[in-house]
Amino acid sequence: MIERVTLPDLFPPPGYAHVAVAAGQRIVTTAGAVPLDADGQLVGPNDLAAQTRQTIDNLIVALAAVGATGDNVLKTTVYVVTTDRADFSVAWREVQASPIAAAASTLLGVSLLGYEGQLVEIEAIAAAP
């Protein structure tokens, strides 16, 4: 069972929980999911929304391999290559439209990620049955 808690004493978060608690399940941690296709090609060069969607799709595949779904995600960390706050909104809209939307989340702007042209990376912690 996963309990998601939004605390009335804290500012309401935009679409995620302040705290997520899992009881009686296996804890799963993922490597950072990236916007590469199965052939290792970057999806959506210079397109943050397309890269975010591909990254989420790849994360869902990784979770499925251990019997978890987006609903099992407790926490995400979303890294976006940007110095422009508007780019956060682009990536965040894609996260909020995805199966990982309810997880507690941290959104960070970074200067560089591992692959040439990569604009986003997402790590997750999940609780799998």
Protein backbone atom coordinates (compact mmCIF):
# COMPACT_ATOMS: atom_id res chain seq x y z
CA MET A 1 0.00 0.00 0.00
CA ILE A 2 1.22 3.50 -0.85
CA GLU A 3 -0.02 6.49 1.10
CA ARG A 4 0.47 9.95 -0.41
CA VAL A 5 0.18 12.89 1.97
CA THR A 6 -0.21 16.58 1.24
CA LEU A 7 0.24 18.55 4.45
CA PRO A 8 -2.10 21.43 5.29
CA ASP A 9 0.71 23.19 7.20
CA LEU A 10 2.85 23.45 4.05
CA PHE A 11 2.27 25.34 0.81
CA PRO A 12 0.21 23.09 -1.53
CA PRO A 13 2.50 21.45 -4.11
CA PRO A 14 1.61 21.69 -7.81
CA GLY A 15 0.31 18.19 -8.50
CA TYR A 16 2.38 15.98 -6.22
CA ALA A 17 2.46 14.85 -2.59
CA HIS A 18 4.74 16.25 0.12
CA VAL A 19 5.30 12.72 1.44
CA ALA A 20 4.85 9.19 0.09
CA VAL A 21 4.97 6.12 2.35
CA ALA A 22 5.05 2.48 1.28
CA ALA A 23 4.28 -0.44 3.56
CA GLY A 24 4.99 -4.12 2.91
CA GLN A 25 6.58 -3.69 -0.53
CA ARG A 26 9.99 -3.90 -2.20
CA ILE A 27 11.83 -0.59 -2.67
CA VAL A 28 13.00 0.00 -6.24
CA THR A 29 15.50 2.68 -7.27
CA THR A 30 16.16 3.47 -10.90
CA ALA A 31 19.12 4.89 -12.71
CA GLY A 32 18.35 8.16 -14.43
CA ALA A 33 16.05 7.51 -17.38
CA VAL A 34 17.18 9.36 -20.50
CA PRO A 35 15.58 10.33 -23.85
CA LEU A 36 17.23 7.63 -25.98
CA ASP A 37 15.34 5.12 -28.11
CA ALA A 38 16.09 1.38 -28.10
CA ASP A 39 18.85 1.96 -30.69
CA GLY A 40 20.57 4.57 -28.50
CA GLN A 41 19.47 7.52 -30.62
CA LEU A 42 18.42 10.78 -28.98
CA VAL A 43 14.66 11.35 -29.33
CA GLY A 44 13.52 14.94 -29.90
CA PRO A 45 16.73 16.92 -30.43
CA ASN A 46 16.15 20.47 -29.10
CA ASP A 47 12.58 19.49 -28.07
CA LEU A 48 12.26 19.41 -24.29
CA ALA A 49 8.66 18.13 -24.32
CA ALA A 50 9.49 15.22 -26.68
CA GLN A 51 12.57 14.33 -24.66
CA THR A 52 10.58 14.40 -21.42
CA ARG A 53 7.92 12.08 -22.88
CA GLN A 54 10.58 9.63 -24.11
CA THR A 55 12.34 9.75 -20.75
CA ILE A 56 9.08 8.95 -18.93
CA ASP A 57 8.34 6.13 -21.39
CA ASN A 58 11.80 4.67 -20.73
CA LEU A 59 11.29 4.99 -16.97
CA ILE A 60 7.96 3.14 -17.21
CA VAL A 61 9.69 0.30 -19.16
CA ALA A 62 12.37 0.04 -16.46
CA LEU A 63 9.76 -0.06 -13.70
CA ALA A 64 7.72 -2.70 -15.54
CA ALA A 65 10.79 -4.95 -15.66
CA VAL A 66 10.55 -5.34 -11.87
CA GLY A 67 6.74 -5.48 -11.66
CA ALA A 68 6.16 -1.80 -10.87
CA THR A 69 4.09 0.89 -12.61
CA GLY A 70 3.98 4.66 -12.51
CA ASP A 71 1.43 4.35 -9.71
CA ASN A 72 4.12 2.66 -7.59
CA VAL A 73 6.53 5.60 -7.84
CA LEU A 74 7.12 7.27 -4.49
CA LYS A 75 9.66 9.95 -5.52
CA THR A 76 11.12 11.40 -8.68
CA THR A 77 14.00 13.71 -9.33
CA VAL A 78 13.67 15.55 -12.65
CA TYR A 79 16.79 17.17 -14.07
CA VAL A 80 16.34 19.78 -16.83
CA VAL A 81 19.19 21.43 -18.71
CA THR A 82 18.19 25.08 -18.44
CA THR A 83 18.67 28.47 -16.89
CA ASP A 84 15.15 29.50 -17.99
CA ARG A 85 12.32 28.88 -15.55
CA ALA A 86 9.86 28.54 -18.48
CA ASP A 87 11.61 25.30 -19.46
CA PHE A 88 10.61 23.87 -16.08
CA SER A 89 6.98 24.37 -17.04
CA VAL A 90 7.47 22.48 -20.31
CA ALA A 91 9.00 19.47 -18.57
CA TRP A 92 6.60 19.66 -15.62
CA ARG A 93 3.51 19.59 -17.88
CA GLU A 94 4.75 16.31 -19.36
CA VAL A 95 5.46 14.84 -15.91
CA GLN A 96 2.01 15.87 -14.68
CA ALA A 97 0.35 14.25 -17.72
CA SER A 98 2.15 10.97 -17.02
CA PRO A 99 1.70 7.93 -14.75
CA ILE A 100 4.38 9.30 -12.37
CA ALA A 101 2.54 12.57 -11.68
CA ALA A 102 1.44 11.81 -8.11
CA ALA A 103 4.90 11.01 -6.76
CA ALA A 104 6.74 13.32 -4.42
CA SER A 105 9.09 15.18 -6.74
CA THR A 106 12.11 17.44 -7.01
CA LEU A 107 12.66 19.52 -10.16
CA LEU A 108 16.19 20.79 -10.77
CA GLY A 109 17.88 22.95 -13.39
CA VAL A 110 21.33 21.71 -14.37
CA SER A 111 23.95 22.87 -16.82
CA LEU A 112 24.78 19.56 -18.50
CA LEU A 113 23.67 15.92 -18.68
CA GLY A 114 25.49 12.82 -19.92
CA TYR A 115 24.49 12.53 -23.59
CA GLU A 116 25.11 15.06 -26.35
CA GLY A 117 21.91 17.12 -26.77
CA GLN A 118 20.20 15.59 -23.73
CA LEU A 119 17.82 18.06 -22.04
CA VAL A 120 16.15 15.93 -19.35
CA GLU A 121 16.77 12.96 -17.03
CA ILE A 122 14.45 11.42 -14.44
CA GLU A 123 15.29 9.16 -11.51
CA ALA A 124 12.65 7.34 -9.49
CA ILE A 125 12.16 5.52 -6.23
CA ALA A 126 9.21 3.11 -6.28
CA ALA A 127 7.55 0.49 -4.13
CA ALA A 128 6.88 -2.74 -6.04
CA PRO A 129 4.64 -5.61 -4.94
